[in-house]
Structures are given as structure tokens and as C-alpha cells.
């Protein structure tokens, strides 16, 4: 059976939907009509691409007690620093999604 061709953006949407679904790759593939091998391949490509694009910045974790979130502070060179409070035990994907959203601001 011939499957529809998808653009890169459409595959990104499929992989994102898989990651948010909580389903196994096999279950998601069955439910969405995507061949399992193709889904596996696209997930691997997406992860490699995401890793290649990510830029690591230094992070310093400090305990500020009851401090409130700060206003951005200029660190020179066009870099601003903002205190971001993340609950202890927050899931890594939640933090990654939050940082990704902040980068678009």
C-alpha cells in the first residue's frame, strides 16, 4: 500500500504527536497508520537533528529560598539572564519545552 508523502514539517508534527501521546512506537504507528519502521526512522532523525541544533549554555543552579522570579538582567554581549523557577522533580521534557518556548520570545 502506498503511503502519502509528508513534508519535513509534517514529520516533525507526527514525531511531536508521538512524543506527547504516551504510546509505544508500535501502538502509535498502528493508530496513526504510519509504518513502524518509518516512524522509528523519523524519530531517530528528529532526535539527531534536535541534538545537532541544540546549543549548550552555562547554567548555574542556586537555592534562592523564597525569591521571586527576576526581571531580565543584561550580562553584556546581548545576553540577558532571567531567573527561572522550576519545581524540584520537574520532568526533563517539561523543562526542555519551557526553554524552547522561551527561546522564541
Protein backbone atom coordinates (compact mmCIF):
# COMPACT_ATOMS: atom_id res chain seq x y z
CA UNK A 1 0.00 0.00 0.00
CA UNK A 2 1.33 3.43 -0.94
CA UNK A 3 1.52 5.87 1.97
CA UNK A 4 1.21 9.62 1.48
CA UNK A 5 4.45 11.56 1.26
CA UNK A 6 4.94 14.03 4.07
CA UNK A 7 6.99 17.20 4.25
CA UNK A 8 9.68 17.70 6.89
CA UNK A 9 7.27 19.92 8.85
CA UNK A 10 4.58 17.23 8.73
CA UNK A 11 7.05 14.61 10.02
CA UNK A 12 8.00 16.96 12.84
CA UNK A 13 4.31 17.16 13.74
CA UNK A 14 3.98 13.35 13.63
CA UNK A 15 7.03 12.84 15.86
CA UNK A 16 5.85 15.53 18.28
CA UNK A 17 2.42 13.89 18.42
CA UNK A 18 4.09 10.54 19.14
CA UNK A 19 6.24 12.02 21.94
CA UNK A 20 3.20 13.61 23.57
CA UNK A 21 0.95 10.58 23.11
CA UNK A 22 2.47 8.38 25.80
CA UNK A 23 2.00 5.40 23.48
CA UNK A 24 4.63 2.89 22.44
CA UNK A 25 6.02 3.35 18.94
CA UNK A 26 4.15 0.25 17.83
CA UNK A 27 0.80 1.43 19.23
CA UNK A 28 1.24 4.94 17.82
CA UNK A 29 2.19 3.56 14.39
CA UNK A 30 -0.92 1.36 14.31
CA UNK A 31 -3.20 4.18 15.47
CA UNK A 32 -1.80 6.77 13.04
CA UNK A 33 -1.35 4.49 10.05
CA UNK A 34 2.40 5.14 9.80
CA UNK A 35 4.58 2.09 9.13
CA UNK A 36 6.53 1.23 12.30
CA UNK A 37 9.92 1.20 10.53
CA UNK A 38 9.24 4.63 9.04
CA UNK A 39 8.19 6.01 12.43
CA UNK A 40 11.36 4.61 14.05
CA UNK A 41 13.48 6.20 11.33
CA UNK A 42 11.77 9.59 11.60
CA UNK A 43 12.05 9.63 15.40
CA UNK A 44 15.80 8.91 15.12
CA UNK A 45 16.23 11.66 12.50
CA UNK A 46 14.28 14.13 14.63
CA UNK A 47 16.36 13.38 17.71
CA UNK A 48 19.65 13.66 15.79
CA UNK A 49 18.54 16.94 14.26
CA UNK A 50 17.40 18.30 17.63
CA UNK A 51 20.71 17.33 19.24
CA UNK A 52 22.70 18.94 16.44
CA UNK A 53 20.70 22.18 16.72
CA UNK A 54 20.80 22.50 20.48
CA UNK A 55 23.30 24.96 21.83
CA UNK A 56 24.52 24.44 25.34
CA UNK A 57 24.76 27.46 27.58
CA UNK A 58 26.28 27.53 31.04
CA UNK A 59 23.76 27.07 33.83
CA UNK A 60 24.29 27.78 37.49
CA UNK A 61 21.78 26.27 39.90
CA UNK A 62 21.32 28.20 43.11
CA UNK A 63 18.94 27.92 46.04
CA UNK A 64 17.25 31.27 46.42
CA UNK A 65 14.74 30.24 49.02
CA UNK A 66 11.60 32.29 48.59
CA UNK A 67 12.99 34.63 45.92
CA UNK A 68 10.57 35.68 43.23
CA UNK A 69 11.27 35.43 39.51
CA UNK A 70 13.56 38.24 38.41
CA UNK A 71 13.41 40.72 35.59
CA UNK A 72 15.97 40.06 32.86
CA UNK A 73 19.47 41.32 33.71
CA UNK A 74 21.94 42.27 30.99
CA UNK A 75 25.10 40.15 31.07
CA UNK A 76 26.75 42.04 28.20
CA UNK A 77 27.19 40.92 24.62
CA UNK A 78 23.43 40.90 24.05
CA UNK A 79 22.88 38.15 26.63
CA UNK A 80 20.16 38.56 29.22
CA UNK A 81 19.81 36.40 32.29
CA UNK A 82 16.44 35.55 33.80
CA UNK A 83 15.77 33.64 37.00
CA UNK A 84 13.50 30.75 36.17
CA UNK A 85 11.92 28.76 38.98
CA UNK A 86 11.38 25.08 38.17
CA UNK A 87 9.86 22.79 40.78
CA UNK A 88 12.18 20.15 42.15
CA UNK A 89 11.42 16.89 40.35
CA UNK A 90 10.07 18.56 37.20
CA UNK A 91 10.26 16.24 34.20
CA UNK A 92 13.13 16.94 31.82
CA UNK A 93 10.83 17.19 28.80
CA UNK A 94 8.72 19.83 30.53
CA UNK A 95 11.84 21.92 31.22
CA UNK A 96 13.08 21.43 27.63
CA UNK A 97 9.68 22.52 26.25
CA UNK A 98 9.67 25.57 28.52
CA UNK A 99 13.18 26.61 27.45
CA UNK A 100 12.27 26.08 23.79
CA UNK A 101 9.24 28.34 24.19
CA UNK A 102 11.32 31.00 25.95
CA UNK A 103 13.82 30.98 23.10
CA UNK A 104 11.07 32.07 20.70
CA UNK A 105 10.25 35.19 22.76
